[in-house]
């Protein structure tokens, strides 16, 4: 529920008055805004960008992977700016891939794996596949590694 102000004129004094009212419609609108990319989504992306940067070792590494200015991840993480939709998708995908890769390797190995040639991806780098195709083929490659498969 969202509290809103309701304004009216007093029948006794004629002065403008206000009172707080609770609106179910206001709460529904706030929820809809969050689902469509409102403030809650911005916070989630900021948290994920911070987690990805930490997993990669630095904000500069994240910037390099996304091919953006080195200062850009800092602005995303502190909430002063939001990434464009493509970079937001890659951040979420990277967060997922890094979590899955953590089942196999130490954090220090994950960045190298993302930037190295991968036989399960026909020699492509996982970070490039992630950027162009999404996380599904990269997750499949991780599953093959986890199962002990050889390409």
Foldseek 3Di string as FASTA:
>chain_A
DDKDKDWDADPVPRHIDIDIDDDPVVVVVVVVCVVVPHPVNLQVLLVLLVVLQVLQPHLQLLCVLVVHPSCVNVCSNVSVDNDPPLSSQLSVLSSVLSVLCVVPDDSPCVSVQQQFQAVLVVGDRNSVCCSPPNNVSVVVSSVCVVVVHDD
